[in-house]
mmCIF file of all heavy atoms, coordinates in Angstrom:
data_MODEL
# 
_entry.id   MODEL 
# 
loop_
_atom_site.group_PDB 
_atom_site.id 
_atom_site.type_symbol 
_atom_site.label_atom_id 
_atom_site.label_alt_id 
_atom_site.label_comp_id 
_atom_site.label_asym_id 
_atom_site.label_entity_id 
_atom_site.label_seq_id 
_atom_site.pdbx_PDB_ins_code 
_atom_site.Cartn_x 
_atom_site.Cartn_y 
_atom_site.Cartn_z 
_atom_site.occupancy 
_atom_site.B_iso_or_equiv 
_atom_site.pdbx_formal_charge 
_atom_site.auth_seq_id 
_atom_site.auth_comp_id 
_atom_site.auth_asym_id 
_atom_site.auth_atom_id 
_atom_site.pdbx_PDB_model_num 
ATOM 1   N N   . PRO A 1 1  ? 118.943 97.110  126.203 1.00 0.00 ? 1  PRO A N   1 
ATOM 2   C CA  . PRO A 1 1  ? 118.133 97.839  125.226 1.00 0.00 ? 1  PRO A CA  1 
ATOM 3   C C   . PRO A 1 1  ? 118.744 97.732  123.839 1.00 0.00 ? 1  PRO A C   1 
ATOM 4   O O   . PRO A 1 1  ? 119.799 97.149  123.652 1.00 0.00 ? 1  PRO A O   1 
ATOM 5   C CB  . PRO A 1 1  ? 118.169 99.272  125.747 1.00 0.00 ? 1  PRO A CB  1 
ATOM 6   C CG  . PRO A 1 1  ? 119.487 99.364  126.439 1.00 0.00 ? 1  PRO A CG  1 
ATOM 7   C CD  . PRO A 1 1  ? 119.715 97.998  127.050 1.00 0.00 ? 1  PRO A CD  1 
ATOM 8   N N   . ALA A 1 2  ? 118.064 98.332  122.879 1.00 0.00 ? 2  ALA A N   1 
ATOM 9   C CA  . ALA A 1 2  ? 118.573 98.364  121.511 1.00 0.00 ? 2  ALA A CA  1 
ATOM 10  C C   . ALA A 1 2  ? 119.880 99.145  121.470 1.00 0.00 ? 2  ALA A C   1 
ATOM 11  O O   . ALA A 1 2  ? 120.142 100.013 122.304 1.00 0.00 ? 2  ALA A O   1 
ATOM 12  C CB  . ALA A 1 2  ? 117.551 99.007  120.595 1.00 0.00 ? 2  ALA A CB  1 
ATOM 13  N N   . ALA A 1 3  ? 120.711 98.853  120.511 1.00 0.00 ? 3  ALA A N   1 
ATOM 14  C CA  . ALA A 1 3  ? 122.000 99.548  120.383 1.00 0.00 ? 3  ALA A CA  1 
ATOM 15  C C   . ALA A 1 3  ? 121.774 101.026 120.095 1.00 0.00 ? 3  ALA A C   1 
ATOM 16  O O   . ALA A 1 3  ? 120.797 101.420 119.466 1.00 0.00 ? 3  ALA A O   1 
ATOM 17  C CB  . ALA A 1 3  ? 122.818 98.906  119.273 1.00 0.00 ? 3  ALA A CB  1 
ATOM 18  N N   . MET A 1 4  ? 122.694 101.840 120.540 1.00 0.00 ? 4  MET A N   1 
ATOM 19  C CA  . MET A 1 4  ? 122.552 103.286 120.390 1.00 0.00 ? 4  MET A CA  1 
ATOM 20  C C   . MET A 1 4  ? 122.818 103.758 118.965 1.00 0.00 ? 4  MET A C   1 
ATOM 21  O O   . MET A 1 4  ? 122.428 104.848 118.595 1.00 0.00 ? 4  MET A O   1 
ATOM 22  C CB  . MET A 1 4  ? 123.513 104.010 121.348 1.00 0.00 ? 4  MET A CB  1 
ATOM 23  C CG  . MET A 1 4  ? 123.199 103.741 122.793 1.00 0.00 ? 4  MET A CG  1 
ATOM 24  S SD  . MET A 1 4  ? 121.536 104.284 123.152 1.00 0.00 ? 4  MET A SD  1 
ATOM 25  C CE  . MET A 1 4  ? 121.323 103.643 124.770 1.00 0.00 ? 4  MET A CE  1 
ATOM 26  N N   . ASP A 1 5  ? 123.498 102.960 118.151 1.00 0.00 ? 5  ASP A N   1 
ATOM 27  C CA  . ASP A 1 5  ? 123.840 103.398 116.804 1.00 0.00 ? 5  ASP A CA  1 
ATOM 28  C C   . ASP A 1 5  ? 122.753 103.109 115.781 1.00 0.00 ? 5  ASP A C   1 
ATOM 29  O O   . ASP A 1 5  ? 122.909 103.386 114.611 1.00 0.00 ? 5  ASP A O   1 
ATOM 30  C CB  . ASP A 1 5  ? 125.153 102.750 116.357 1.00 0.00 ? 5  ASP A CB  1 
ATOM 31  C CG  . ASP A 1 5  ? 125.072 101.232 116.345 1.00 0.00 ? 5  ASP A CG  1 
ATOM 32  O OD1 . ASP A 1 5  ? 124.153 100.675 116.970 1.00 0.00 ? 5  ASP A OD1 1 
ATOM 33  O OD2 . ASP A 1 5  ? 125.951 100.615 115.723 1.00 0.00 ? 5  ASP A OD2 1 
ATOM 34  N N   . GLU A 1 6  ? 121.607 102.554 116.203 1.00 0.00 ? 6  GLU A N   1 
ATOM 35  C CA  . GLU A 1 6  ? 120.526 102.278 115.275 1.00 0.00 ? 6  GLU A CA  1 
ATOM 36  C C   . GLU A 1 6  ? 119.785 103.565 114.943 1.00 0.00 ? 6  GLU A C   1 
ATOM 37  O O   . GLU A 1 6  ? 119.629 104.439 115.790 1.00 0.00 ? 6  GLU A O   1 
ATOM 38  C CB  . GLU A 1 6  ? 119.554 101.266 115.877 1.00 0.00 ? 6  GLU A CB  1 
ATOM 39  C CG  . GLU A 1 6  ? 120.145 99.888  115.998 1.00 0.00 ? 6  GLU A CG  1 
ATOM 40  C CD  . GLU A 1 6  ? 119.131 98.905  116.557 1.00 0.00 ? 6  GLU A CD  1 
ATOM 41  O OE1 . GLU A 1 6  ? 117.999 99.318  116.848 1.00 0.00 ? 6  GLU A OE1 1 
ATOM 42  O OE2 . GLU A 1 6  ? 119.486 97.739  116.694 1.00 0.00 ? 6  GLU A OE2 1 
ATOM 43  N N   . PRO A 1 7  ? 119.307 103.705 113.711 1.00 0.00 ? 7  PRO A N   1 
ATOM 44  C CA  . PRO A 1 7  ? 118.584 104.920 113.332 1.00 0.00 ? 7  PRO A CA  1 
ATOM 45  C C   . PRO A 1 7  ? 117.171 104.928 113.917 1.00 0.00 ? 7  PRO A C   1 
ATOM 46  O O   . PRO A 1 7  ? 116.609 103.891 114.225 1.00 0.00 ? 7  PRO A O   1 
ATOM 47  C CB  . PRO A 1 7  ? 118.530 104.840 111.810 1.00 0.00 ? 7  PRO A CB  1 
ATOM 48  C CG  . PRO A 1 7  ? 118.582 103.373 111.533 1.00 0.00 ? 7  PRO A CG  1 
ATOM 49  C CD  . PRO A 1 7  ? 119.466 102.796 112.599 1.00 0.00 ? 7  PRO A CD  1 
ATOM 50  N N   . ALA A 1 8  ? 116.644 106.105 114.083 1.00 0.00 ? 8  ALA A N   1 
ATOM 51  C CA  . ALA A 1 8  ? 115.278 106.240 114.553 1.00 0.00 ? 8  ALA A CA  1 
ATOM 52  C C   . ALA A 1 8  ? 114.323 105.832 113.438 1.00 0.00 ? 8  ALA A C   1 
ATOM 53  O O   . ALA A 1 8  ? 114.600 106.027 112.265 1.00 0.00 ? 8  ALA A O   1 
ATOM 54  C CB  . ALA A 1 8  ? 115.016 107.682 114.970 1.00 0.00 ? 8  ALA A CB  1 
ATOM 55  N N   . THR A 1 9  ? 113.207 105.229 113.813 1.00 0.00 ? 9  THR A N   1 
ATOM 56  C CA  . THR A 1 9  ? 112.249 104.740 112.839 1.00 0.00 ? 9  THR A CA  1 
ATOM 57  C C   . THR A 1 9  ? 111.006 105.609 112.871 1.00 0.00 ? 9  THR A C   1 
ATOM 58  O O   . THR A 1 9  ? 110.495 105.945 113.931 1.00 0.00 ? 9  THR A O   1 
ATOM 59  C CB  . THR A 1 9  ? 111.852 103.291 113.170 1.00 0.00 ? 9  THR A CB  1 
ATOM 60  O OG1 . THR A 1 9  ? 113.037 102.512 113.192 1.00 0.00 ? 9  THR A OG1 1 
ATOM 61  C CG2 . THR A 1 9  ? 110.914 102.738 112.138 1.00 0.00 ? 9  THR A CG2 1 
ATOM 62  N N   . ALA A 1 10 ? 110.505 105.987 111.683 1.00 0.00 ? 10 ALA A N   1 
ATOM 63  C CA  . ALA A 1 10 ? 109.304 106.799 111.602 1.00 0.00 ? 10 ALA A CA  1 
ATOM 64  C C   . ALA A 1 10 ? 108.084 105.886 111.606 1.00 0.00 ? 10 ALA A C   1 
ATOM 65  O O   . ALA A 1 10 ? 108.040 104.893 110.891 1.00 0.00 ? 10 ALA A O   1 
ATOM 66  C CB  . ALA A 1 10 ? 109.311 107.639 110.338 1.00 0.00 ? 10 ALA A CB  1 
ATOM 67  N N   . ILE A 1 11 ? 107.096 106.218 112.423 1.00 0.00 ? 11 ILE A N   1 
ATOM 68  C CA  . ILE A 1 11 ? 105.864 105.457 112.515 1.00 0.00 ? 11 ILE A CA  1 
ATOM 69  C C   . ILE A 1 11 ? 104.720 106.393 112.188 1.00 0.00 ? 11 ILE A C   1 
ATOM 70  O O   . ILE A 1 11 ? 104.618 107.491 112.733 1.00 0.00 ? 11 ILE A O   1 
ATOM 71  C CB  . ILE A 1 11 ? 105.690 104.859 113.921 1.00 0.00 ? 11 ILE A CB  1 
ATOM 72  C CG1 . ILE A 1 11 ? 106.837 103.901 114.226 1.00 0.00 ? 11 ILE A CG1 1 
ATOM 73  C CG2 . ILE A 1 11 ? 104.340 104.166 114.039 1.00 0.00 ? 11 ILE A CG2 1 
ATOM 74  C CD1 . ILE A 1 11 ? 106.797 103.324 115.606 1.00 0.00 ? 11 ILE A CD1 1 
ATOM 75  N N   . LEU A 1 12 ? 103.834 105.966 111.284 1.00 0.00 ? 12 LEU A N   1 
ATOM 76  C CA  . LEU A 1 12 ? 102.698 106.791 110.913 1.00 0.00 ? 12 LEU A CA  1 
ATOM 77  C C   . LEU A 1 12 ? 101.677 106.812 112.035 1.00 0.00 ? 12 LEU A C   1 
ATOM 78  O O   . LEU A 1 12 ? 101.526 105.865 112.788 1.00 0.00 ? 12 LEU A O   1 
ATOM 79  C CB  . LEU A 1 12 ? 102.046 106.256 109.641 1.00 0.00 ? 12 LEU A CB  1 
ATOM 80  C CG  . LEU A 1 12 ? 102.866 106.367 108.363 1.00 0.00 ? 12 LEU A CG  1 
ATOM 81  C CD1 . LEU A 1 12 ? 102.093 105.756 107.213 1.00 0.00 ? 12 LEU A CD1 1 
ATOM 82  C CD2 . LEU A 1 12 ? 103.208 107.799 108.077 1.00 0.00 ? 12 LEU A CD2 1 
ATOM 83  N N   . HIS A 1 13 ? 100.993 107.921 112.139 1.00 0.00 ? 13 HIS A N   1 
ATOM 84  C CA  . HIS A 1 13 ? 99.949  108.085 113.127 1.00 0.00 ? 13 HIS A CA  1 
ATOM 85  C C   . HIS A 1 13 ? 98.840  107.077 112.822 1.00 0.00 ? 13 HIS A C   1 
ATOM 86  O O   . HIS A 1 13 ? 98.527  106.820 111.669 1.00 0.00 ? 13 HIS A O   1 
ATOM 87  C CB  . HIS A 1 13 ? 99.425  109.528 113.064 1.00 0.00 ? 13 HIS A CB  1 
ATOM 88  C CG  . HIS A 1 13 ? 98.581  109.885 114.223 1.00 0.00 ? 13 HIS A CG  1 
ATOM 89  N ND1 . HIS A 1 13 ? 97.231  109.694 114.218 1.00 0.00 ? 13 HIS A ND1 1 
ATOM 90  C CD2 . HIS A 1 13 ? 98.889  110.395 115.443 1.00 0.00 ? 13 HIS A CD2 1 
ATOM 91  C CE1 . HIS A 1 13 ? 96.729  110.088 115.373 1.00 0.00 ? 13 HIS A CE1 1 
ATOM 92  N NE2 . HIS A 1 13 ? 97.723  110.535 116.126 1.00 0.00 ? 13 HIS A NE2 1 
ATOM 93  N N   . PRO A 1 14 ? 98.187  106.482 113.812 1.00 0.00 ? 14 PRO A N   1 
ATOM 94  C CA  . PRO A 1 14 ? 97.179  105.462 113.547 1.00 0.00 ? 14 PRO A CA  1 
ATOM 95  C C   . PRO A 1 14 ? 95.954  105.969 112.788 1.00 0.00 ? 14 PRO A C   1 
ATOM 96  O O   . PRO A 1 14 ? 95.179  105.187 112.268 1.00 0.00 ? 14 PRO A O   1 
ATOM 97  C CB  . PRO A 1 14 ? 96.804  104.958 114.927 1.00 0.00 ? 14 PRO A CB  1 
ATOM 98  C CG  . PRO A 1 14 ? 97.321  105.930 115.891 1.00 0.00 ? 14 PRO A CG  1 
ATOM 99  C CD  . PRO A 1 14 ? 98.425  106.669 115.233 1.00 0.00 ? 14 PRO A CD  1 
ATOM 100 N N   . THR A 1 15 ? 95.758  107.295 112.698 1.00 0.00 ? 15 THR A N   1 
ATOM 101 C CA  . THR A 1 15 ? 94.594  107.815 111.981 1.00 0.00 ? 15 THR A CA  1 
ATOM 102 C C   . THR A 1 15 ? 94.866  108.021 110.504 1.00 0.00 ? 15 THR A C   1 
ATOM 103 O O   . THR A 1 15 ? 93.979  108.443 109.779 1.00 0.00 ? 15 THR A O   1 
ATOM 104 C CB  . THR A 1 15 ? 94.141  109.149 112.597 1.00 0.00 ? 15 THR A CB  1 
ATOM 105 O OG1 . THR A 1 15 ? 95.221  110.082 112.504 1.00 0.00 ? 15 THR A OG1 1 
ATOM 106 C CG2 . THR A 1 15 ? 93.723  108.964 114.039 1.00 0.00 ? 15 THR A CG2 1 
ATOM 107 N N   . ALA A 1 16 ? 96.061  107.718 110.042 1.00 0.00 ? 16 ALA A N   1 
ATOM 108 C CA  . ALA A 1 16 ? 96.378  107.903 108.630 1.00 0.00 ? 16 ALA A CA  1 
ATOM 109 C C   . ALA A 1 16 ? 95.586  106.904 107.794 1.00 0.00 ? 16 ALA A C   1 
ATOM 110 O O   . ALA A 1 16 ? 95.507  105.728 108.113 1.00 0.00 ? 16 ALA A O   1 
ATOM 111 C CB  . ALA A 1 16 ? 97.861  107.713 108.381 1.00 0.00 ? 16 ALA A CB  1 
ATOM 112 N N   . LYS A 1 17 ? 94.950  107.373 106.744 1.00 0.00 ? 17 LYS A N   1 
ATOM 113 C CA  . LYS A 1 17 ? 94.145  106.516 105.878 1.00 0.00 ? 17 LYS A CA  1 
ATOM 114 C C   . LYS A 1 17 ? 95.045  105.851 104.837 1.00 0.00 ? 17 LYS A C   1 
ATOM 115 O O   . LYS A 1 17 ? 96.098  106.364 104.500 1.00 0.00 ? 17 LYS A O   1 
ATOM 116 C CB  . LYS A 1 17 ? 93.069  107.341 105.194 1.00 0.00 ? 17 LYS A CB  1 
ATOM 117 C CG  . LYS A 1 17 ? 92.081  107.935 106.165 1.00 0.00 ? 17 LYS A CG  1 
ATOM 118 C CD  . LYS A 1 17 ? 91.063  108.778 105.450 1.00 0.00 ? 17 LYS A CD  1 
ATOM 119 C CE  . LYS A 1 17 ? 90.126  109.419 106.460 1.00 0.00 ? 17 LYS A CE  1 
ATOM 120 N NZ  . LYS A 1 17 ? 89.299  110.433 105.864 1.00 0.00 ? 17 LYS A NZ  1 
ATOM 121 N N   . THR A 1 18 ? 94.602  104.745 104.320 1.00 0.00 ? 18 THR A N   1 
ATOM 122 C CA  . THR A 1 18 ? 95.387  104.054 103.306 1.00 0.00 ? 18 THR A CA  1 
ATOM 123 C C   . THR A 1 18 ? 95.420  104.897 102.041 1.00 0.00 ? 18 THR A C   1 
ATOM 124 O O   . THR A 1 18 ? 94.410  105.450 101.618 1.00 0.00 ? 18 THR A O   1 
ATOM 125 C CB  . THR A 1 18 ? 94.778  102.676 102.989 1.00 0.00 ? 18 THR A CB  1 
ATOM 126 O OG1 . THR A 1 18 ? 93.436  102.854 102.563 1.00 0.00 ? 18 THR A OG1 1 
ATOM 127 C CG2 . THR A 1 18 ? 94.818  101.759 104.189 1.00 0.00 ? 18 THR A CG2 1 
ATOM 128 N N   . GLY A 1 19 ? 96.589  104.981 101.440 1.00 0.00 ? 19 GLY A N   1 
ATOM 129 C CA  . GLY A 1 19 ? 96.754  105.761 100.222 1.00 0.00 ? 19 GLY A CA  1 
ATOM 130 C C   . GLY A 1 19 ? 96.977  107.239 100.491 1.00 0.00 ? 19 GLY A C   1 
ATOM 131 O O   . GLY A 1 19 ? 97.235  108.014 99.586  1.00 0.00 ? 19 GLY A O   1 
ATOM 132 N N   . GLU A 1 20 ? 96.875  107.661 101.723 1.00 0.00 ? 20 GLU A N   1 
ATOM 133 C CA  . GLU A 1 20 ? 97.064  109.077 102.069 1.00 0.00 ? 20 GLU A CA  1 
ATOM 134 C C   . GLU A 1 20 ? 98.523  109.319 102.377 1.00 0.00 ? 20 GLU A C   1 
ATOM 135 O O   . GLU A 1 20 ? 99.167  108.536 103.063 1.00 0.00 ? 20 GLU A O   1 
ATOM 136 C CB  . GLU A 1 20 ? 96.199  109.403 103.304 1.00 0.00 ? 20 GLU A CB  1 
ATOM 137 C CG  . GLU A 1 20 ? 96.289  110.838 103.756 1.00 0.00 ? 20 GLU A CG  1 
ATOM 138 C CD  . GLU A 1 20 ? 95.415  111.049 104.984 1.00 0.00 ? 20 GLU A CD  1 
ATOM 139 O OE1 . GLU A 1 20 ? 94.196  110.926 104.867 1.00 0.00 ? 20 GLU A OE1 1 
ATOM 140 O OE2 . GLU A 1 20 ? 95.993  111.313 106.048 1.00 0.00 ? 20 GLU A OE2 1 
ATOM 141 N N   . GLY A 1 21 ? 99.068  110.389 101.857 1.00 0.00 ? 21 GLY A N   1 
ATOM 142 C CA  . GLY A 1 21 ? 100.457 110.718 102.112 1.00 0.00 ? 21 GLY A CA  1 
ATOM 143 C C   . GLY A 1 21 ? 100.653 111.181 103.544 1.00 0.00 ? 21 GLY A C   1 
ATOM 144 O O   . GLY A 1 21 ? 99.778  111.797 104.154 1.00 0.00 ? 21 GLY A O   1 
ATOM 145 N N   . ALA A 1 22 ? 101.802 110.870 104.103 1.00 0.00 ? 22 ALA A N   1 
ATOM 146 C CA  . ALA A 1 22 ? 102.073 111.253 105.487 1.00 0.00 ? 22 ALA A CA  1 
ATOM 147 C C   . ALA A 1 22 ? 102.464 112.724 105.566 1.00 0.00 ? 22 ALA A C   1 
ATOM 148 O O   . ALA A 1 22 ? 103.179 113.236 104.724 1.00 0.00 ? 22 ALA A O   1 
ATOM 149 C CB  . ALA A 1 22 ? 103.193 110.393 106.029 1.00 0.00 ? 22 ALA A CB  1 
ATOM 150 N N   . THR A 1 23 ? 101.973 113.384 106.576 1.00 0.00 ? 23 THR A N   1 
ATOM 151 C CA  . THR A 1 23 ? 102.356 114.771 106.829 1.00 0.00 ? 23 THR A CA  1 
ATOM 152 C C   . THR A 1 23 ? 103.198 114.816 108.088 1.00 0.00 ? 23 THR A C   1 
ATOM 153 O O   . THR A 1 23 ? 103.262 113.853 108.855 1.00 0.00 ? 23 THR A O   1 
ATOM 154 C CB  . THR A 1 23 ? 101.108 115.659 107.003 1.00 0.00 ? 23 THR A CB  1 
ATOM 155 O OG1 . THR A 1 23 ? 100.386 115.201 108.147 1.00 0.00 ? 23 THR A OG1 1 
ATOM 156 C CG2 . THR A 1 23 ? 100.221 115.607 105.778 1.00 0.00 ? 23 THR A CG2 1 
ATOM 157 N N   . ARG A 1 24 ? 103.869 115.949 108.336 1.00 0.00 ? 24 ARG A N   1 
ATOM 158 C CA  . ARG A 1 24 ? 104.715 116.056 109.526 1.00 0.00 ? 24 ARG A CA  1 
ATOM 159 C C   . ARG A 1 24 ? 103.909 115.920 110.806 1.00 0.00 ? 24 ARG A C   1 
ATOM 160 O O   . ARG A 1 24 ? 104.416 115.407 111.793 1.00 0.00 ? 24 ARG A O   1 
ATOM 161 C CB  . ARG A 1 24 ? 105.454 117.380 109.527 1.00 0.00 ? 24 ARG A CB  1 
ATOM 162 C CG  . ARG A 1 24 ? 106.617 117.381 108.602 1.00 0.00 ? 24 ARG A CG  1 
ATOM 163 C CD  . ARG A 1 24 ? 107.631 118.413 109.075 1.00 0.00 ? 24 ARG A CD  1 
ATOM 164 N NE  . ARG A 1 24 ? 108.623 118.541 108.073 1.00 0.00 ? 24 ARG A NE  1 
ATOM 165 C CZ  . ARG A 1 24 ? 109.724 117.797 108.037 1.00 0.00 ? 24 ARG A CZ  1 
ATOM 166 N NH1 . ARG A 1 24 ? 109.951 116.936 108.974 1.00 0.00 ? 24 ARG A NH1 1 
ATOM 167 N NH2 . ARG A 1 24 ? 110.592 117.941 107.081 1.00 0.00 ? 24 ARG A NH2 1 
# 
């Protein structure tokens, strides 16, 4: 698997519209 020391990556929800800011 991937190394354990790699940072977690944030992925936007697929319903996010272009130009729209991401919310929690």
